[in-house]
């Protein structure tokens, strides 16, 4: 468990929005993280839907598209 937390903390420290947080603040965020795996070609977020989550891509690739008006 500790190794995973250390790894996730290091990832957060390399993301601009999380840089500069105190160790206590990182400690508050870590329990909120939930690992997810998506199959290839799975839509993760649909344009126009209300945002309730934040995704951090650790491995793999993602394609971002904008639908035409």
Protein backbone atom coordinates (compact mmCIF):
# COMPACT_ATOMS: atom_id res chain seq x y z
CA UNK A 1 0.00 0.00 0.00
CA UNK A 2 2.77 2.45 0.95
CA UNK A 3 4.58 1.86 -2.35
CA UNK A 4 1.39 2.64 -4.29
CA UNK A 5 0.82 5.83 -2.28
CA UNK A 6 4.40 6.92 -2.86
CA UNK A 7 4.00 6.30 -6.60
CA UNK A 8 0.70 8.22 -6.79
CA UNK A 9 2.09 11.08 -4.70
CA UNK A 10 5.02 11.38 -7.16
CA UNK A 11 2.58 11.43 -10.09
CA UNK A 12 0.49 14.19 -8.47
CA UNK A 13 3.60 16.29 -7.81
CA UNK A 14 4.30 16.30 -11.57
CA UNK A 15 0.84 17.66 -12.48
CA UNK A 16 0.73 21.46 -12.51
CA UNK A 17 -2.58 21.83 -10.68
CA UNK A 18 -1.27 19.72 -7.76
CA UNK A 19 2.21 21.22 -7.52
CA UNK A 20 3.00 23.15 -4.39
CA UNK A 21 0.56 21.31 -2.13
CA UNK A 22 1.63 20.39 1.38
CA UNK A 23 2.26 16.77 2.28
CA UNK A 24 -0.96 16.87 4.35
CA UNK A 25 -2.93 18.05 1.31
CA UNK A 26 -1.50 15.22 -0.78
CA UNK A 27 -2.53 12.90 2.04
CA UNK A 28 -6.11 14.19 1.77
CA UNK A 29 -6.23 13.70 -2.00
CA UNK A 30 -4.70 10.21 -2.20
CA UNK A 31 -7.68 8.36 -0.65
CA UNK A 32 -9.96 9.98 -3.23
CA UNK A 33 -8.07 8.48 -6.17
CA UNK A 34 -9.66 5.44 -7.77
CA UNK A 35 -7.77 3.41 -10.37
CA UNK A 36 -9.76 2.77 -13.54
CA UNK A 37 -9.02 0.82 -16.70
CA UNK A 38 -10.87 1.54 -19.92
CA UNK A 39 -11.00 -0.75 -22.94
CA UNK A 40 -9.74 0.53 -26.26
CA UNK A 41 -12.22 2.81 -28.09
CA UNK A 42 -14.27 3.39 -24.91
CA UNK A 43 -15.74 6.89 -24.59
CA UNK A 44 -14.66 8.19 -21.21
CA UNK A 45 -16.12 11.69 -21.29
CA UNK A 46 -18.78 12.94 -23.67
CA UNK A 47 -18.76 16.53 -24.86
CA UNK A 48 -21.44 18.57 -23.13
CA UNK A 49 -21.87 16.25 -20.16
CA UNK A 50 -21.59 17.69 -16.67
CA UNK A 51 -18.18 17.04 -15.13
CA UNK A 52 -18.14 15.08 -11.90
CA UNK A 53 -14.67 13.54 -12.08
CA UNK A 54 -11.09 14.26 -13.00
CA UNK A 55 -9.06 11.69 -14.89
CA UNK A 56 -5.29 11.36 -14.67
CA UNK A 57 -3.81 9.28 -17.45
CA UNK A 58 -0.95 7.21 -16.06
CA UNK A 59 -0.39 4.81 -18.93
CA UNK A 60 -1.65 4.52 -22.47
CA UNK A 61 -3.06 7.03 -24.89
CA UNK A 62 -6.30 8.89 -25.29
CA UNK A 63 -7.88 10.49 -28.33
CA UNK A 64 -9.71 13.77 -27.82
CA UNK A 65 -12.25 14.82 -30.42
CA UNK A 66 -14.70 17.67 -30.74
CA UNK A 67 -18.02 16.99 -32.33
CA UNK A 68 -19.18 19.31 -35.11
CA UNK A 69 -21.94 21.83 -34.43
